[in-house]
PDB file of all heavy atoms in Angstrom:
ATOM      1  N   TRP A   1     -29.806 135.552   8.008  1.00  0.00           N
ATOM      2  CA  TRP A   1     -29.141 136.843   7.757  1.00  0.00           C
ATOM      3  C   TRP A   1     -27.670 136.733   7.927  1.00  0.00           C
ATOM      4  O   TRP A   1     -26.924 137.705   7.751  1.00  0.00           O
ATOM      5  CB  TRP A   1     -29.719 137.863   8.685  1.00  0.00           C
ATOM      6  CG  TRP A   1     -31.135 138.396   8.279  1.00  0.00           C
ATOM      7  CD1 TRP A   1     -32.001 137.715   7.498  1.00  0.00           C
ATOM      8  CD2 TRP A   1     -31.638 139.676   8.534  1.00  0.00           C
ATOM      9  NE1 TRP A   1     -33.138 138.476   7.326  1.00  0.00           N
ATOM     10  CE2 TRP A   1     -32.932 139.690   7.951  1.00  0.00           C
ATOM     11  CE3 TRP A   1     -31.249 140.755   9.267  1.00  0.00           C
ATOM     12  CZ2 TRP A   1     -33.795 140.791   8.034  1.00  0.00           C
ATOM     13  CZ3 TRP A   1     -32.095 141.845   9.391  1.00  0.00           C
ATOM     14  CH2 TRP A   1     -33.374 141.860   8.729  1.00  0.00           C
ATOM     15  N   THR A   2     -27.142 135.584   8.383  1.00  0.00           N
ATOM     16  CA  THR A   2     -25.707 135.455   8.596  1.00  0.00           C
ATOM     17  C   THR A   2     -24.953 135.784   7.307  1.00  0.00           C
ATOM     18  O   THR A   2     -25.333 135.313   6.204  1.00  0.00           O
ATOM     19  CB  THR A   2     -25.364 134.000   8.990  1.00  0.00           C
ATOM     20  OG1 THR A   2     -26.075 133.735  10.198  1.00  0.00           O
ATOM     21  CG2 THR A   2     -23.862 133.826   9.207  1.00  0.00           C
ATOM     22  N   ILE A   3     -23.864 136.502   7.493  1.00  0.00           N
ATOM     23  CA  ILE A   3     -23.067 136.956   6.278  1.00  0.00           C
ATOM     24  C   ILE A   3     -22.144 135.850   5.846  1.00  0.00           C
ATOM     25  O   ILE A   3     -21.334 135.324   6.677  1.00  0.00           O
ATOM     26  CB  ILE A   3     -22.259 138.230   6.622  1.00  0.00           C
ATOM     27  CG1 ILE A   3     -23.269 139.387   7.018  1.00  0.00           C
ATOM     28  CG2 ILE A   3     -21.458 138.713   5.413  1.00  0.00           C
ATOM     29  CD1 ILE A   3     -22.570 140.645   7.484  1.00  0.00           C
ATOM     30  N   GLU A   4     -22.215 135.446   4.587  1.00  0.00           N
ATOM     31  CA  GLU A   4     -21.405 134.430   4.049  1.00  0.00           C
ATOM     32  C   GLU A   4     -19.922 134.924   3.891  1.00  0.00           C
ATOM     33  O   GLU A   4     -19.729 136.098   3.738  1.00  0.00           O
ATOM     34  CB  GLU A   4     -21.929 133.974   2.711  1.00  0.00           C
ATOM     35  CG  GLU A   4     -23.296 133.380   2.754  1.00  0.00           C
ATOM     36  CD  GLU A   4     -23.387 132.144   3.631  1.00  0.00           C
ATOM     37  OE1 GLU A   4     -22.435 131.368   3.636  1.00  0.00           O
ATOM     38  OE2 GLU A   4     -24.413 131.953   4.341  1.00  0.00           O
ATOM     39  N   PRO A   5     -18.960 133.979   3.878  1.00  0.00           N
ATOM     40  CA  PRO A   5     -17.561 134.384   3.697  1.00  0.00           C
ATOM     41  C   PRO A   5     -17.263 135.230   2.435  1.00  0.00           C
ATOM     42  O   PRO A   5     -16.345 136.036   2.459  1.00  0.00           O
ATOM     43  CB  PRO A   5     -16.826 133.027   3.619  1.00  0.00           C
ATOM     44  CG  PRO A   5     -17.731 132.082   4.374  1.00  0.00           C
ATOM     45  CD  PRO A   5     -19.118 132.549   4.103  1.00  0.00           C
ATOM     46  N   SER A   6     -18.090 135.038   1.441  1.00  0.00           N
ATOM     47  CA  SER A   6     -17.811 135.883   0.182  1.00  0.00           C
ATOM     48  C   SER A   6     -18.112 137.320   0.423  1.00  0.00           C
ATOM     49  O   SER A   6     -17.719 138.180  -0.423  1.00  0.00           O
ATOM     50  CB  SER A   6     -18.714 135.329  -0.959  1.00  0.00           C
ATOM     51  OG  SER A   6     -20.035 135.443  -0.622  1.00  0.00           O
ATOM     52  N   HIS A   7     -18.798 137.658   1.523  1.00  0.00           N
ATOM     53  CA  HIS A   7     -19.114 139.058   1.817  1.00  0.00           C
ATOM     54  C   HIS A   7     -18.279 139.569   2.943  1.00  0.00           C
ATOM     55  O   HIS A   7     -18.546 140.641   3.547  1.00  0.00           O
ATOM     56  CB  HIS A   7     -20.575 139.211   2.176  1.00  0.00           C
ATOM     57  CG  HIS A   7     -21.509 138.751   1.083  1.00  0.00           C
ATOM     58  ND1 HIS A   7     -21.517 139.308  -0.191  1.00  0.00           N
ATOM     59  CD2 HIS A   7     -22.403 137.726   1.044  1.00  0.00           C
ATOM     60  CE1 HIS A   7     -22.451 138.683  -0.919  1.00  0.00           C
ATOM     61  NE2 HIS A   7     -22.997 137.718  -0.196  1.00  0.00           N
ATOM     62  N   LEU A   8     -17.217 138.818   3.269  1.00  0.00           N
ATOM     63  CA  LEU A   8     -16.224 139.253   4.330  1.00  0.00           C
ATOM     64  C   LEU A   8     -14.917 139.487   3.693  1.00  0.00           C
ATOM     65  O   LEU A   8     -14.604 139.120   2.537  1.00  0.00           O
ATOM     66  CB  LEU A   8     -16.138 138.170   5.426  1.00  0.00           C
ATOM     67  CG  LEU A   8     -17.462 137.735   6.087  1.00  0.00           C
ATOM     68  CD1 LEU A   8     -17.199 136.547   6.999  1.00  0.00           C
ATOM     69  CD2 LEU A   8     -18.053 138.874   6.873  1.00  0.00           C
ATOM     70  N   VAL A   9     -13.991 140.173   4.459  1.00  0.00           N
ATOM     71  CA  VAL A   9     -12.625 140.356   3.989  1.00  0.00           C
ATOM     72  C   VAL A   9     -11.980 138.975   3.842  1.00  0.00           C
ATOM     73  O   VAL A   9     -12.245 138.040   4.593  1.00  0.00           O
ATOM     74  CB  VAL A   9     -11.856 141.173   5.051  1.00  0.00           C
ATOM     75  CG1 VAL A   9     -10.379 141.211   4.763  1.00  0.00           C
ATOM     76  CG2 VAL A   9     -12.425 142.604   5.102  1.00  0.00           C
ATOM     77  N   GLN A  10     -11.144 138.841   2.786  1.00  0.00           N
ATOM     78  CA  GLN A  10     -10.527 137.523   2.520  1.00  0.00           C
ATOM     79  C   GLN A  10      -9.026 137.738   2.424  1.00  0.00           C
ATOM     80  O   GLN A  10      -8.464 137.871   1.336  1.00  0.00           O
ATOM     81  CB  GLN A  10     -11.112 136.961   1.225  1.00  0.00           C
ATOM     82  CG  GLN A  10     -12.601 136.629   1.342  1.00  0.00           C
ATOM     83  CD  GLN A  10     -13.190 136.066   0.091  1.00  0.00           C
ATOM     84  OE1 GLN A  10     -12.589 136.166  -1.023  1.00  0.00           O
ATOM     85  NE2 GLN A  10     -14.366 135.459   0.173  1.00  0.00           N
ATOM     86  N   VAL A  11      -8.353 137.699   3.559  1.00  0.00           N
ATOM     87  CA  VAL A  11      -6.925 137.805   3.597  1.00  0.00           C
ATOM     88  C   VAL A  11      -6.313 136.384   3.467  1.00  0.00           C
ATOM     89  O   VAL A  11      -6.806 135.449   4.196  1.00  0.00           O
ATOM     90  CB  VAL A  11      -6.463 138.436   4.926  1.00  0.00           C
ATOM     91  CG1 VAL A  11      -4.954 138.460   5.011  1.00  0.00           C
ATOM     92  CG2 VAL A  11      -6.994 139.842   5.066  1.00  0.00           C
ATOM     93  N   PRO A  12      -5.299 136.205   2.605  1.00  0.00           N
ATOM     94  CA  PRO A  12      -4.648 134.868   2.564  1.00  0.00           C
ATOM     95  C   PRO A  12      -4.086 134.492   3.932  1.00  0.00           C
ATOM     96  O   PRO A  12      -3.491 135.300   4.634  1.00  0.00           O
ATOM     97  CB  PRO A  12      -3.544 135.095   1.540  1.00  0.00           C
ATOM     98  CG  PRO A  12      -3.945 136.292   0.709  1.00  0.00           C
ATOM     99  CD  PRO A  12      -4.736 137.137   1.653  1.00  0.00           C
ATOM    100  N   VAL A  13      -4.394 133.267   4.340  1.00  0.00           N
ATOM    101  CA  VAL A  13      -3.989 132.804   5.647  1.00  0.00           C
ATOM    102  C   VAL A  13      -2.790 131.862   5.554  1.00  0.00           C
ATOM    103  O   VAL A  13      -2.787 130.855   4.794  1.00  0.00           O
ATOM    104  CB  VAL A  13      -5.159 132.078   6.419  1.00  0.00           C
ATOM    105  CG1 VAL A  13      -4.708 131.555   7.722  1.00  0.00           C
ATOM    106  CG2 VAL A  13      -6.342 132.979   6.530  1.00  0.00           C
ATOM    107  N   ALA A  14      -1.748 132.236   6.289  1.00  0.00           N
ATOM    108  CA  ALA A  14      -0.517 131.370   6.292  1.00  0.00           C
ATOM    109  C   ALA A  14      -0.443 130.608   7.617  1.00  0.00           C
ATOM    110  O   ALA A  14      -0.735 131.189   8.676  1.00  0.00           O
ATOM    111  CB  ALA A  14       0.720 132.251   6.127  1.00  0.00           C
ATOM    112  N   LYS A  15      -0.025 129.363   7.555  1.00  0.00           N
ATOM    113  CA  LYS A  15       0.030 128.573   8.785  1.00  0.00           C
ATOM    114  C   LYS A  15       1.209 128.968   9.697  1.00  0.00           C
ATOM    115  O   LYS A  15       1.079 128.885  10.918  1.00  0.00           O
ATOM    116  CB  LYS A  15       0.165 127.097   8.434  1.00  0.00           C
ATOM    117  CG  LYS A  15      -1.007 126.540   7.667  1.00  0.00           C
ATOM    118  CD  LYS A  15      -0.738 125.062   7.304  1.00  0.00           C
ATOM    119  CE  LYS A  15      -1.967 124.480   6.514  1.00  0.00           C
ATOM    120  NZ  LYS A  15      -1.713 123.046   6.173  1.00  0.00           N
ATOM    121  N   ASP A  16       2.284 129.453   9.080  1.00  0.00           N
ATOM    122  CA  ASP A  16       3.411 129.906   9.854  1.00  0.00           C
ATOM    123  C   ASP A  16       4.230 130.926   9.036  1.00  0.00           C
ATOM    124  O   ASP A  16       3.819 131.304   7.900  1.00  0.00           O
ATOM    125  CB  ASP A  16       4.313 128.715  10.174  1.00  0.00           C
ATOM    126  CG  ASP A  16       4.652 127.812   8.968  1.00  0.00           C
ATOM    127  OD1 ASP A  16       4.828 128.447   7.849  1.00  0.00           O
ATOM    128  OD2 ASP A  16       4.778 126.649   9.118  1.00  0.00           O
ATOM    129  N   ILE A  17       5.331 131.413   9.616  1.00  0.00           N
ATOM    130  CA  ILE A  17       6.126 132.426   8.933  1.00  0.00           C
ATOM    131  C   ILE A  17       6.655 131.895   7.620  1.00  0.00           C
ATOM    132  O   ILE A  17       6.682 132.680   6.632  1.00  0.00           O
ATOM    133  CB  ILE A  17       7.354 132.823   9.829  1.00  0.00           C
ATOM    134  CG1 ILE A  17       6.800 133.613  11.069  1.00  0.00           C
ATOM    135  CG2 ILE A  17       8.304 133.756   9.051  1.00  0.00           C
ATOM    136  CD1 ILE A  17       6.190 134.914  10.732  1.00  0.00           C
ATOM    137  N   GLN A  18       7.058 130.650   7.559  1.00  0.00           N
ATOM    138  CA  GLN A  18       7.604 130.114   6.323  1.00  0.00           C
ATOM    139  C   GLN A  18       6.499 130.157   5.213  1.00  0.00           C
ATOM    140  O   GLN A  18       6.798 130.525   4.108  1.00  0.00           O
ATOM    141  CB  GLN A  18       8.004 128.638   6.587  1.00  0.00           C
ATOM    142  CG  GLN A  18       8.865 128.049   5.430  1.00  0.00           C
ATOM    143  CD  GLN A  18      10.250 128.692   5.296  1.00  0.00           C
ATOM    144  OE1 GLN A  18      10.764 129.168   6.354  1.00  0.00           O
ATOM    145  NE2 GLN A  18      10.769 128.740   4.139  1.00  0.00           N
ATOM    146  N   ALA A  19       5.292 129.841   5.609  1.00  0.00           N
ATOM    147  CA  ALA A  19       4.216 129.879   4.593  1.00  0.00           C
ATOM    148  C   ALA A  19       3.909 131.351   4.212  1.00  0.00           C
ATOM    149  O   ALA A  19       3.605 131.587   3.051  1.00  0.00           O
ATOM    150  CB  ALA A  19       2.962 129.224   5.187  1.00  0.00           C
ATOM    151  N   PHE A  20       4.036 132.231   5.196  1.00  0.00           N
ATOM    152  CA  PHE A  20       3.816 133.628   4.882  1.00  0.00           C
ATOM    153  C   PHE A  20       4.827 134.146   3.852  1.00  0.00           C
ATOM    154  O   PHE A  20       4.468 134.839   2.912  1.00  0.00           O
ATOM    155  CB  PHE A  20       3.918 134.450   6.183  1.00  0.00           C
ATOM    156  CG  PHE A  20       3.755 135.937   5.991  1.00  0.00           C
ATOM    157  CD1 PHE A  20       2.515 136.530   5.850  1.00  0.00           C
ATOM    158  CD2 PHE A  20       4.898 136.738   5.941  1.00  0.00           C
ATOM    159  CE1 PHE A  20       2.405 137.910   5.645  1.00  0.00           C
ATOM    160  CE2 PHE A  20       4.789 138.092   5.762  1.00  0.00           C
ATOM    161  CZ  PHE A  20       3.530 138.687   5.614  1.00  0.00           C
ATOM    162  N   LEU A  21       6.077 133.820   4.117  1.00  0.00           N
ATOM    163  CA  LEU A  21       7.135 134.229   3.200  1.00  0.00           C
ATOM    164  C   LEU A  21       6.914 133.563   1.834  1.00  0.00           C
ATOM    165  O   LEU A  21       7.361 134.128   0.787  1.00  0.00           O
ATOM    166  CB  LEU A  21       8.518 133.873   3.732  1.00  0.00           C
ATOM    167  CG  LEU A  21       8.970 134.616   5.019  1.00  0.00           C
ATOM    168  CD1 LEU A  21      10.257 134.116   5.545  1.00  0.00           C
ATOM    169  CD2 LEU A  21       8.986 136.103   4.765  1.00  0.00           C
ATOM    170  N   GLY A  22       6.289 132.439   1.817  1.00  0.00           N
ATOM    171  CA  GLY A  22       6.042 131.758   0.532  1.00  0.00           C
ATOM    172  C   GLY A  22       5.073 132.500  -0.372  1.00  0.00           C
ATOM    173  O   GLY A  22       4.966 132.265  -1.546  1.00  0.00           O
ATOM    174  N   PHE A  23       4.234 133.411   0.274  1.00  0.00           N
ATOM    175  CA  PHE A  23       3.341 134.198  -0.545  1.00  0.00           C
ATOM    176  C   PHE A  23       4.112 135.224  -1.421  1.00  0.00           C
ATOM    177  O   PHE A  23       3.532 135.717  -2.385  1.00  0.00           O
ATOM    178  CB  PHE A  23       2.347 134.988   0.364  1.00  0.00           C
ATOM    179  CG  PHE A  23       1.298 134.088   1.007  1.00  0.00           C
ATOM    180  CD1 PHE A  23       0.883 134.317   2.312  1.00  0.00           C
ATOM    181  CD2 PHE A  23       0.701 133.099   0.297  1.00  0.00           C
ATOM    182  CE1 PHE A  23      -0.094 133.591   2.888  1.00  0.00           C
ATOM    183  CE2 PHE A  23      -0.287 132.289   0.869  1.00  0.00           C
ATOM    184  CZ  PHE A  23      -0.667 132.508   2.188  1.00  0.00           C
ATOM    185  N   MET A  24       5.271 135.543  -1.043  1.00  0.00           N
ATOM    186  CA  MET A  24       6.086 136.537  -1.802  1.00  0.00           C
ATOM    187  C   MET A  24       6.525 135.949  -3.103  1.00  0.00           C
ATOM    188  O   MET A  24       6.869 134.776  -3.247  1.00  0.00           O
ATOM    189  CB  MET A  24       7.277 137.011  -1.000  1.00  0.00           C
ATOM    190  CG  MET A  24       6.928 137.835   0.274  1.00  0.00           C
ATOM    191  SD  MET A  24       8.420 138.479   1.076  1.00  0.00           S
ATOM    192  CE  MET A  24       7.706 139.349   2.450  1.00  0.00           C
ATOM    193  N   GLN A  25       6.565 136.784  -4.138  1.00  0.00           N
ATOM    194  CA  GLN A  25       7.107 136.397  -5.411  1.00  0.00           C
ATOM    195  C   GLN A  25       8.170 137.422  -5.775  1.00  0.00           C
ATOM    196  O   GLN A  25       8.197 138.559  -5.360  1.00  0.00           O
ATOM    197  CB  GLN A  25       6.002 136.341  -6.476  1.00  0.00           C
ATOM    198  CG  GLN A  25       4.885 135.371  -6.147  1.00  0.00           C
ATOM    199  CD  GLN A  25       3.911 135.223  -7.311  1.00  0.00           C
ATOM    200  OE1 GLN A  25       4.339 135.025  -8.472  1.00  0.00           O
ATOM    201  NE2 GLN A  25       2.632 135.250  -7.002  1.00  0.00           N
ATOM    202  N   PHE A  26       9.112 136.980  -6.654  1.00  0.00           N
ATOM    203  CA  PHE A  26      10.244 137.808  -6.941  1.00  0.00           C
ATOM    204  C   PHE A  26      10.422 137.964  -8.475  1.00  0.00           C
ATOM    205  O   PHE A  26       9.908 137.081  -9.234  1.00  0.00           O
ATOM    206  CB  PHE A  26      11.569 137.135  -6.341  1.00  0.00           C
ATOM    207  CG  PHE A  26      11.438 136.902  -4.889  1.00  0.00           C
ATOM    208  CD1 PHE A  26      11.071 135.642  -4.380  1.00  0.00           C
ATOM    209  CD2 PHE A  26      11.685 137.938  -3.974  1.00  0.00           C
ATOM    210  CE1 PHE A  26      10.958 135.400  -3.034  1.00  0.00           C
ATOM    211  CE2 PHE A  26      11.517 137.751  -2.648  1.00  0.00           C
ATOM    212  CZ  PHE A  26      11.189 136.489  -2.138  1.00  0.00           C
ATOM    213  N   PRO A  27      11.036 139.042  -8.869  1.00  0.00           N
ATOM    214  CA  PRO A  27      11.059 139.338 -10.341  1.00  0.00           C
ATOM    215  C   PRO A  27      11.989 138.288 -11.085  1.00  0.00           C
ATOM    216  O   PRO A  27      12.918 137.774 -10.468  1.00  0.00           O
ATOM    217  CB  PRO A  27      11.691 140.760 -10.396  1.00  0.00           C
ATOM    218  CG  PRO A  27      12.440 140.887  -9.112  1.00  0.00           C
ATOM    219  CD  PRO A  27      11.656 140.099  -8.108  1.00  0.00           C
ATOM    220  N   ASP A  28      11.650 138.094 -12.271  1.00  0.00           N
ATOM    221  CA  ASP A  28      12.500 137.208 -13.124  1.00  0.00           C
ATOM    222  C   ASP A  28      13.725 138.040 -13.573  1.00  0.00           C
ATOM    223  O   ASP A  28      13.614 138.921 -14.453  1.00  0.00           O
ATOM    224  CB  ASP A  28      11.657 136.768 -14.355  1.00  0.00           C
ATOM    225  CG  ASP A  28      12.378 135.769 -15.223  1.00  0.00           C
ATOM    226  OD1 ASP A  28      13.582 135.607 -14.995  1.00  0.00           O
ATOM    227  OD2 ASP A  28      11.746 135.276 -16.125  1.00  0.00           O
ATOM    228  N   ALA A  29      14.853 137.738 -13.002  1.00  0.00           N
ATOM    229  CA  ALA A  29      16.073 138.540 -13.284  1.00  0.00           C
ATOM    230  C   ALA A  29      16.425 138.438 -14.746  1.00  0.00           C
ATOM    231  O   ALA A  29      17.022 139.468 -15.338  1.00  0.00           O
ATOM    232  CB  ALA A  29      17.230 137.988 -12.468  1.00  0.00           C
ATOM    233  N   ALA A  30      16.073 137.377 -15.446  1.00  0.00           N
ATOM    234  CA  ALA A  30      16.420 137.288 -16.854  1.00  0.00           C
ATOM    235  C   ALA A  30      15.706 138.277 -17.727  1.00  0.00           C
ATOM    236  O   ALA A  30      16.065 138.525 -18.875  1.00  0.00           O
ATOM    237  CB  ALA A  30      16.166 135.834 -17.342  1.00  0.00           C
ATOM    238  N   GLN A  31      14.609 138.850 -17.197  1.00  0.00           N
ATOM    239  CA  GLN A  31      13.764 139.731 -18.019  1.00  0.00           C
ATOM    240  C   GLN A  31      14.238 141.216 -17.976  1.00  0.00           C
ATOM    241  O   GLN A  31      13.733 142.054 -18.729  1.00  0.00           O
ATOM    242  CB  GLN A  31      12.312 139.695 -17.462  1.00  0.00           C
ATOM    243  CG  GLN A  31      11.655 138.388 -17.641  1.00  0.00           C
ATOM    244  CD  GLN A  31      11.343 138.089 -19.080  1.00  0.00           C
ATOM    245  OE1 GLN A  31      11.137 138.954 -19.897  1.00  0.00           O
ATOM    246  NE2 GLN A  31      11.451 136.784 -19.469  1.00  0.00           N
ATOM    247  N   PHE A  32      15.205 141.521 -17.109  1.00  0.00           N
ATOM    248  CA  PHE A  32      15.646 142.918 -17.027  1.00  0.00           C
ATOM    249  C   PHE A  32      16.194 143.473 -18.243  1.00  0.00           C
ATOM    250  O   PHE A  32      16.209 144.697 -18.560  1.00  0.00           O
ATOM    251  CB  PHE A  32      16.598 143.091 -15.849  1.00  0.00           C
ATOM    252  CG  PHE A  32      15.957 143.162 -14.491  1.00  0.00           C
ATOM    253  CD1 PHE A  32      16.083 142.126 -13.629  1.00  0.00           C
ATOM    254  CD2 PHE A  32      15.215 144.273 -14.145  1.00  0.00           C
ATOM    255  CE1 PHE A  32      15.464 142.194 -12.347  1.00  0.00           C
ATOM    256  CE2 PHE A  32      14.602 144.330 -12.916  1.00  0.00           C
ATOM    257  CZ  PHE A  32      14.725 143.285 -12.012  1.00  0.00           C
ATOM    258  N   GLY A  33      16.710 142.598 -19.127  1.00  0.00           N
ATOM    259  CA  GLY A  33      17.302 143.123 -20.360  1.00  0.00           C
ATOM    260  C   GLY A  33      16.272 143.108 -21.512  1.00  0.00           C
ATOM    261  O   GLY A  33      16.639 143.483 -22.683  1.00  0.00           O
ATOM    262  N   ASN A  34      15.085 142.732 -21.236  1.00  0.00           N
ATOM    263  CA  ASN A  34      14.036 142.682 -22.303  1.00  0.00           C
ATOM    264  C   ASN A  34      13.506 144.045 -22.600  1.00  0.00           C
ATOM    265  O   ASN A  34      13.084 144.775 -21.677  1.00  0.00           O
ATOM    266  CB  ASN A  34      12.900 141.754 -21.808  1.00  0.00           C
ATOM    267  CG  ASN A  34      11.796 141.509 -22.833  1.00  0.00           C
ATOM    268  OD1 ASN A  34      11.794 142.152 -23.886  1.00  0.00           O
ATOM    269  ND2 ASN A  34      10.913 140.573 -22.501  1.00  0.00           N
ATOM    270  N   PRO A  35      13.552 144.513 -23.903  1.00  0.00           N
ATOM    271  CA  PRO A  35      13.110 145.840 -24.206  1.00  0.00           C
ATOM    272  C   PRO A  35      11.604 145.985 -23.833  1.00  0.00           C
ATOM    273  O   PRO A  35      11.205 147.161 -23.526  1.00  0.00           O
ATOM    274  CB  PRO A  35      13.224 145.909 -25.729  1.00  0.00           C
ATOM    275  CG  PRO A  35      14.312 144.911 -26.077  1.00  0.00           C
ATOM    276  CD  PRO A  35      14.122 143.801 -25.065  1.00  0.00           C
ATOM    277  N   ALA A  36      10.806 144.973 -23.829  1.00  0.00           N
ATOM    278  CA  ALA A  36       9.403 145.049 -23.456  1.00  0.00           C
ATOM    279  C   ALA A  36       9.270 145.450 -21.993  1.00  0.00           C
ATOM    280  O   ALA A  36       8.346 146.172 -21.604  1.00  0.00           O
ATOM    281  CB  ALA A  36       8.680 143.740 -23.718  1.00  0.00           C
ATOM    282  N   ILE A  37      10.225 145.029 -21.172  1.00  0.00           N
ATOM    283  CA  ILE A  37      10.215 145.402 -19.722  1.00  0.00           C
ATOM    284  C   ILE A  37      10.421 146.917 -19.628  1.00  0.00           C
ATOM    285  O   ILE A  37       9.700 147.595 -18.841  1.00  0.00           O
ATOM    286  CB  ILE A  37      11.310 144.642 -18.985  1.00  0.00           C
ATOM    287  CG1 ILE A  37      10.981 143.149 -18.952  1.00  0.00           C
ATOM    288  CG2 ILE A  37      11.408 145.215 -17.560  1.00  0.00           C
ATOM    289  CD1 ILE A  37       9.748 142.751 -18.249  1.00  0.00           C
ATOM    290  N   LEU A  38      11.381 147.432 -20.356  1.00  0.00           N
ATOM    291  CA  LEU A  38      11.614 148.915 -20.280  1.00  0.00           C
ATOM    292  C   LEU A  38      10.361 149.703 -20.727  1.00  0.00           C
ATOM    293  O   LEU A  38      10.025 150.741 -20.155  1.00  0.00           O
ATOM    294  CB  LEU A  38      12.837 149.300 -21.115  1.00  0.00           C
ATOM    295  CG  LEU A  38      13.170 150.725 -21.137  1.00  0.00           C
ATOM    296  CD1 LEU A  38      13.515 151.261 -19.790  1.00  0.00           C
ATOM    297  CD2 LEU A  38      14.380 151.003 -22.128  1.00  0.00           C
TER     298      LEU A  38
END
């Protein structure tokens, strides 16, 4: 009856602060002028 990991919360695990900040992504500045973005 043990619950498998697929049935538990799955938060991305970072080894340290540097790895945690690595999870962040940033916008592509070159795309701000793209009409499709607007």
